[in-house]
Amino acid sequence: MTLEKLAQIAEVSLGTVSKAFSGSHEVSEKTRERIFEIAKQEGCFEKYYKQKREKTVIAVICPELESSYYCSIVSRIESQLTKNGALMLLGLGTFSPKKEAEIINYLISSKSVDGILVVAAHGKISYNNDVPIVAINTRRYLSEVDCLNVAFKETIVDAIKYFKDCGHTDIAFVGETLTKGKLNFFINAMQVNGLTVNQDWIFTEKERFENAGKSATQKLLKLAKQPTAIFCAYDNIALGVIDILKKHGKSVPDDYSIIGIDDIPVAAHSNVSLTTIKSNYDTICDMAVELLLKKLKSKFFSLHQKISLRTELVIRNSVKNLNKV
């Protein structure tokens, strides 16, 4: 029994039925009682009636908490929810579409939360009428719900252009198995800037974080022909690259120039302040929380929009201008 059919039987509008179940004062008690009685007769009262909780409860599903990037996102969301008087529950999807689906299906079927925020989903997020869902940093084709993304593609083009403007044309890429999307953006950026991609300088490591950077750099230093610049899929990888270069007596930026992604707090305060792409995750998180809370206030506030927020290149001291040598 859908809300639409229930409205037809009760001979009221769909909006009236929704307001009745949400406890809106716009519906008279007489009309509300009649709708509830019909819903009970049709066996769908428990499906649509939600007892008012003392606080709004929002579930956040995030791939992990090992990286400072995801920790920052979860922390920002929690802060914004608290400001709005809501409570946050946290589930870890572990980069598994199956695990994500299990958590989402349980939350919806158990009616244990009022809304769901999914961060960097790896499985398809389907729309449902019972619990509003907003996705953050999720591929468009995986999302049937409102989705807010950080747009790296254009800014990576800017980053490679900055390398090029500083005289760097021999550029390596260091990433790991979960950053293949950024590798594609890197290849596109090289092509847009008229530069050749050297496959010998593409490193996709099985390890993650600093260890990925360290592993790739060990391999890179053994190559006969060396790049002058290295683009890293995220800042932790860049810090690992810098660490190994230093241990081998190499200097950043004098011997190698480095750019990362995310602008994690330590990026500006390491031995060499890192040029990086600022993800603006705080703005995305704030927008996502605001959108979800609006959807909770009105069941029919459903824009189904796909919003992309532009990132920005933050220039510091890890890139050398070869043109001034």
Protein backbone atom coordinates (compact mmCIF):
# COMPACT_ATOMS: atom_id res chain seq x y z
CA MET A 1 0.00 0.00 0.00
CA THR A 2 1.56 3.27 -1.13
CA LEU A 3 0.82 6.72 0.26
CA GLU A 4 -0.73 7.59 -3.10
CA LYS A 5 -3.24 4.72 -2.85
CA LEU A 6 -3.92 5.54 0.78
CA ALA A 7 -4.72 9.13 -0.23
CA GLN A 8 -7.13 7.90 -2.88
CA ILE A 9 -9.00 5.68 -0.38
CA ALA A 10 -9.16 8.50 2.19
CA GLU A 11 -10.22 10.92 -0.57
CA VAL A 12 -7.58 13.47 0.40
CA SER A 13 -4.44 14.77 -1.26
CA LEU A 14 -1.09 13.00 -1.07
CA GLY A 15 0.29 16.00 0.80
CA THR A 16 -2.45 15.71 3.45
CA VAL A 17 -1.59 12.05 4.07
CA SER A 18 2.11 12.86 4.39
CA LYS A 19 1.42 15.73 6.80
CA ALA A 20 -0.87 13.52 8.87
CA PHE A 21 1.89 10.96 9.41
CA SER A 22 4.55 13.62 10.06
CA GLY A 23 2.43 15.21 12.81
CA SER A 24 1.85 18.49 10.98
CA HIS A 25 -0.57 20.90 12.63
CA GLU A 26 -1.89 21.77 9.15
CA VAL A 27 -4.05 18.62 9.30
CA SER A 28 -7.08 18.55 11.62
CA GLU A 29 -7.25 15.82 14.25
CA LYS A 30 -10.46 14.49 12.69
CA THR A 31 -8.80 14.08 9.29
CA ARG A 32 -5.67 12.59 10.86
CA GLU A 33 -7.67 10.01 12.80
CA ARG A 34 -9.61 9.01 9.68
CA ILE A 35 -6.38 8.55 7.70
CA PHE A 36 -4.82 6.53 10.53
CA GLU A 37 -7.88 4.31 10.81
CA ILE A 38 -7.83 3.55 7.08
CA ALA A 39 -4.08 2.89 7.25
CA LYS A 40 -4.62 0.39 10.06
CA GLN A 41 -7.37 -1.36 8.09
CA GLU A 42 -5.05 -1.60 5.09
CA GLY A 43 -2.19 -2.91 7.22
CA CYS A 44 0.23 -0.08 6.48
CA PHE A 45 -0.08 2.10 9.59
CA GLU A 46 3.19 0.88 11.14
CA LYS A 47 4.96 1.37 7.83
CA TYR A 48 4.22 5.09 7.64
CA TYR A 49 3.67 6.17 11.23
CA LYS A 50 6.84 7.28 12.97
CA GLN A 51 6.65 7.95 16.67
CA LYS A 52 8.29 11.30 17.38
CA ARG A 53 11.79 10.87 18.77
CA GLU A 54 13.21 13.38 21.23
CA LYS A 55 15.88 14.18 18.67
CA THR A 56 16.37 13.69 14.96
CA VAL A 57 18.73 10.76 14.34
CA ILE A 58 20.91 10.77 11.23
CA ALA A 59 23.07 7.83 10.14
CA VAL A 60 26.35 8.57 8.37
CA ILE A 61 27.84 5.74 6.32
CA CYS A 62 31.52 6.28 5.55
CA PRO A 63 34.05 3.92 3.93
CA GLU A 64 36.59 4.12 6.78
CA LEU A 65 38.11 6.25 9.52
CA GLU A 66 41.76 5.43 8.85
CA SER A 67 42.39 8.48 6.68
CA SER A 68 42.39 11.99 8.09
CA TYR A 69 40.27 13.04 5.09
CA TYR A 70 37.29 10.85 6.01
CA CYS A 71 37.76 11.66 9.70
CA SER A 72 37.49 15.35 8.86
CA ILE A 73 34.31 14.78 6.85
CA VAL A 74 32.63 12.78 9.63
CA SER A 75 33.70 15.34 12.22
CA ARG A 76 32.28 18.21 10.15
CA ILE A 77 28.96 16.41 9.60
CA GLU A 78 28.67 15.62 13.32
CA SER A 79 29.34 19.25 14.19
CA GLN A 80 26.65 20.51 11.80
CA LEU A 81 24.10 17.96 12.98
CA THR A 82 24.76 18.89 16.61
CA LYS A 83 24.21 22.57 15.78
CA ASN A 84 20.82 21.58 14.40
CA GLY A 85 19.90 19.53 17.45
CA ALA A 86 20.33 16.15 15.75
CA LEU A 87 22.24 13.03 16.76
CA MET A 88 24.62 11.11 14.50
CA LEU A 89 25.08 7.36 14.19
CA LEU A 90 28.10 6.09 12.27
CA GLY A 91 28.46 3.00 10.08
CA LEU A 92 31.56 1.92 8.15
CA GLY A 93 31.02 0.61 4.64
CA THR A 94 34.64 -0.62 4.27
CA PHE A 95 34.59 0.22 0.54
CA SER A 96 32.18 -2.69 0.07
CA PRO A 97 28.95 -2.25 -1.94
CA LYS A 98 27.49 -5.27 -0.13
CA LYS A 99 28.28 -3.90 3.33
CA GLU A 100 26.87 -0.47 2.41
CA ALA A 101 23.64 -2.04 1.15
CA GLU A 102 23.27 -4.17 4.30
CA ILE A 103 23.61 -1.12 6.55
CA ILE A 104 21.22 1.02 4.50
CA ASN A 105 18.60 -1.73 4.20
CA TYR A 106 18.72 -2.40 7.93
CA LEU A 107 18.38 1.28 8.83
CA ILE A 108 15.39 1.68 6.52
CA SER A 109 13.61 -1.53 7.49
CA SER A 110 14.15 -1.03 11.22
CA LYS A 111 13.09 2.64 11.06
CA SER A 112 15.93 3.33 13.49
CA VAL A 113 16.97 6.64 11.88
CA ASP A 114 15.26 9.65 10.35
CA GLY A 115 17.73 10.19 7.52
CA ILE A 116 20.95 8.85 5.99
CA LEU A 117 24.09 10.53 4.64
CA VAL A 118 26.28 8.24 2.51
CA VAL A 119 29.88 9.33 1.98
CA ALA A 120 31.79 8.06 -1.08
CA ALA A 121 29.40 5.21 -1.83
CA HIS A 122 30.81 2.20 -3.68
CA GLY A 123 27.41 0.64 -4.41
CA LYS A 124 24.23 2.00 -5.98
CA ILE A 125 22.17 4.22 -3.68
CA SER A 126 18.49 3.73 -4.47
CA TYR A 127 15.71 6.20 -3.72
CA ASN A 128 13.06 5.19 -1.19
CA ASN A 129 9.96 6.87 0.24
CA ASP A 130 10.55 6.03 3.88
CA VAL A 131 13.96 7.48 4.79
CA PRO A 132 15.53 10.41 2.88
CA ILE A 133 19.09 9.82 1.71
CA VAL A 134 21.72 12.30 0.53
CA ALA A 135 25.00 11.12 -1.02
CA ILE A 136 28.35 12.91 -0.75
CA ASN A 137 31.24 12.38 -3.19
CA THR A 138 29.49 9.52 -4.97
CA ARG A 139 29.68 8.79 -8.69
CA ARG A 140 26.58 10.08 -10.43
CA TYR A 141 25.69 6.75 -12.02
CA LEU A 142 25.60 5.14 -8.56
CA SER A 143 23.13 7.62 -7.12
CA GLU A 144 19.36 7.83 -7.51
CA VAL A 145 19.24 10.38 -4.68
CA ASP A 146 20.46 13.94 -4.25
CA CYS A 147 24.23 13.89 -4.62
CA LEU A 148 26.84 16.53 -3.73
CA ASN A 149 30.33 16.04 -5.10
CA VAL A 150 33.72 17.66 -4.89
CA ALA A 151 34.88 18.27 -8.48
CA PHE A 152 38.56 17.43 -8.89
CA LYS A 153 38.77 17.02 -12.66
CA GLU A 154 39.10 20.68 -13.65
CA THR A 155 41.42 21.55 -10.76
CA ILE A 156 43.76 18.67 -11.61
CA VAL A 157 44.00 20.24 -15.07
CA ASP A 158 44.98 23.47 -13.29
CA ALA A 159 47.55 21.62 -11.19
CA ILE A 160 49.22 20.07 -14.22
CA LYS A 161 49.16 23.47 -15.95
CA TYR A 162 50.93 24.92 -12.91
CA PHE A 163 53.60 22.23 -13.22
CA LYS A 164 53.92 23.05 -16.92
CA ASP A 165 54.08 26.81 -16.32
CA CYS A 166 56.92 26.12 -13.88
CA GLY A 167 58.81 24.25 -16.61
CA HIS A 168 57.85 20.67 -15.68
CA THR A 169 56.81 18.39 -18.54
CA ASP A 170 58.11 15.08 -17.16
CA ILE A 171 55.46 14.30 -14.55
CA ALA A 172 54.82 11.08 -12.61
CA PHE A 173 51.63 9.92 -10.91
CA VAL A 174 51.55 8.09 -7.58
CA GLY A 175 48.29 6.55 -6.34
CA GLU A 176 46.84 3.31 -5.03
CA THR A 177 44.12 0.84 -5.95
CA LEU A 178 41.32 3.06 -4.63
CA THR A 179 42.41 6.15 -6.59
CA LYS A 180 41.96 4.97 -10.18
CA GLY A 181 39.47 7.79 -10.78
CA LYS A 182 42.14 10.36 -10.00
CA LEU A 183 44.55 8.57 -12.30
CA ASN A 184 42.04 9.02 -15.11
CA PHE A 185 41.77 12.71 -14.21
CA PHE A 186 45.57 12.97 -14.26
CA ILE A 187 45.81 11.39 -17.72
CA ASN A 188 43.10 13.73 -18.98
CA ALA A 189 44.91 16.74 -17.46
CA MET A 190 48.18 15.77 -19.13
CA GLN A 191 46.42 15.50 -22.48
CA VAL A 192 44.58 18.81 -22.03
CA ASN A 193 47.92 20.47 -21.32
CA GLY A 194 49.56 18.86 -24.35
CA LEU A 195 51.88 16.68 -22.29
CA THR A 196 52.85 13.05 -22.83
CA VAL A 197 52.03 10.44 -20.20
CA ASN A 198 55.00 8.14 -19.52
CA GLN A 199 53.58 4.79 -18.42
CA ASP A 200 56.84 4.04 -16.57
CA TRP A 201 55.97 6.90 -14.25
CA ILE A 202 52.47 5.70 -13.38
CA PHE A 203 52.40 3.99 -9.98
CA THR A 204 49.26 2.35 -8.57
CA GLU A 205 50.26 0.74 -5.30
CA LYS A 206 48.52 -1.99 -3.30
CA GLU A 207 49.51 -0.24 -0.09
CA ARG A 208 47.76 2.92 1.08
CA PHE A 209 48.51 6.32 2.64
CA GLU A 210 52.19 7.15 3.29
CA ASN A 211 53.23 3.56 2.54
CA ALA A 212 51.90 3.88 -1.01
CA GLY A 213 54.07 6.94 -1.54
CA LYS A 214 57.10 5.28 -0.03
CA SER A 215 56.70 2.10 -2.09
CA ALA A 216 56.23 3.97 -5.36
CA THR A 217 59.18 6.28 -4.72
CA GLN A 218 61.50 3.35 -4.06
CA LYS A 219 60.56 2.04 -7.52
CA LEU A 220 60.78 5.44 -9.17
CA LEU A 221 64.32 6.10 -7.91
CA LYS A 222 65.53 2.92 -9.63
CA LEU A 223 64.44 4.13 -13.09
CA ALA A 224 67.09 5.33 -15.53
CA LYS A 225 65.02 8.29 -16.69
CA GLN A 226 63.54 10.40 -13.90
CA PRO A 227 60.60 12.82 -13.84
CA THR A 228 61.06 16.29 -12.40
CA ALA A 229 57.58 16.42 -10.85
CA ILE A 230 55.23 14.01 -9.09
CA PHE A 231 51.45 14.34 -8.82
CA CYS A 232 50.00 12.38 -5.88
CA ALA A 233 46.43 11.09 -5.54
CA TYR A 234 46.19 12.52 -2.01
CA ASP A 235 48.34 14.29 0.55
CA ASN A 236 49.25 11.28 2.71
CA ILE A 237 50.79 9.67 -0.36
CA ALA A 238 52.70 12.88 -1.08
CA LEU A 239 54.10 12.90 2.47
CA GLY A 240 55.32 9.33 1.98
CA VAL A 241 57.01 10.34 -1.29
CA ILE A 242 58.76 13.27 0.41
CA ASP A 243 59.93 11.05 3.27
CA ILE A 244 61.66 8.52 0.99
CA LEU A 245 63.18 11.24 -1.20
CA LYS A 246 64.67 12.83 1.91
CA LYS A 247 66.09 9.49 3.09
CA HIS A 248 67.81 9.14 -0.30
CA GLY A 249 69.35 12.57 -0.04
CA LYS A 250 66.90 14.19 -2.45
CA SER A 251 65.29 17.54 -1.87
CA VAL A 252 61.77 18.84 -2.45
CA PRO A 253 61.40 21.00 -4.44
CA ASP A 254 65.01 21.29 -5.65
CA ASP A 255 65.20 17.72 -7.02
CA TYR A 256 61.52 16.84 -7.34
CA SER A 257 58.40 18.99 -7.28
CA ILE A 258 55.28 17.58 -5.59
CA ILE A 259 51.53 18.31 -5.65
CA GLY A 260 48.94 16.45 -3.58
CA ILE A 261 45.17 16.47 -3.07
CA ASP A 262 42.92 17.20 -0.03
CA ASP A 263 44.89 19.88 1.86
CA ILE A 264 44.93 17.91 5.10
CA PRO A 265 46.05 19.97 8.14
CA VAL A 266 49.62 18.64 8.18
CA ALA A 267 50.13 19.59 4.50
CA ALA A 268 50.79 23.22 5.38
CA HIS A 269 53.03 22.40 8.34
CA SER A 270 55.33 19.61 7.11
CA ASN A 271 59.06 20.25 6.55
CA VAL A 272 58.16 21.31 3.01
CA SER A 273 54.74 22.99 2.92
CA LEU A 274 52.81 21.06 0.31
CA THR A 275 51.17 22.51 -2.78
CA THR A 276 47.83 20.72 -2.92
CA ILE A 277 44.23 20.77 -4.11
CA LYS A 278 41.84 21.93 -1.39
CA SER A 279 38.74 19.74 -1.46
CA ASN A 280 36.36 22.18 0.31
CA TYR A 281 34.83 19.19 2.11
CA ASP A 282 33.49 21.48 4.84
CA THR A 283 31.21 23.32 2.40
CA ILE A 284 29.98 20.06 0.86
CA CYS A 285 29.23 18.61 4.31
CA ASP A 286 27.33 21.73 5.37
CA MET A 287 25.26 21.70 2.18
CA ALA A 288 24.51 17.99 2.52
CA VAL A 289 23.31 18.34 6.12
CA GLU A 290 21.16 21.36 5.22
CA LEU A 291 19.61 19.50 2.28
CA LEU A 292 18.85 16.37 4.30
CA LEU A 293 17.22 18.34 7.11
CA LYS A 294 15.04 20.17 4.57
CA LYS A 295 13.95 16.81 3.16
CA LEU A 296 13.03 15.69 6.68
CA LYS A 297 10.81 18.72 7.19
CA SER A 298 8.97 18.04 3.94
CA LYS A 299 8.64 14.56 2.47
CA PHE A 300 8.15 16.18 -0.93
CA PHE A 301 11.27 18.34 -0.82
CA SER A 302 13.14 16.15 -3.27
CA LEU A 303 15.24 18.01 -5.79
CA HIS A 304 17.14 14.95 -7.07
CA GLN A 305 19.98 17.24 -7.96
CA LYS A 306 23.60 16.46 -8.67
CA ILE A 307 25.73 19.29 -7.31
CA SER A 308 29.45 19.64 -7.97
CA LEU A 309 31.57 22.06 -5.94
CA ARG A 310 34.77 23.33 -7.56
CA THR A 311 38.03 22.67 -5.72
CA GLU A 312 41.02 25.01 -5.64
CA LEU A 313 44.77 24.75 -6.07
CA VAL A 314 46.65 25.94 -2.99
CA ILE A 315 50.18 26.96 -3.95
CA ARG A 316 52.89 26.57 -1.32
CA ASN A 317 56.58 25.60 -1.47
CA SER A 318 56.77 22.08 -2.95
CA VAL A 319 57.02 23.09 -6.63
CA LYS A 320 60.18 24.58 -8.10
CA ASN A 321 60.00 27.03 -11.01
CA LEU A 322 62.58 25.67 -13.45
CA ASN A 323 62.19 28.75 -15.64
CA LYS A 324 63.91 30.86 -12.98
CA VAL A 325 66.95 28.57 -12.67
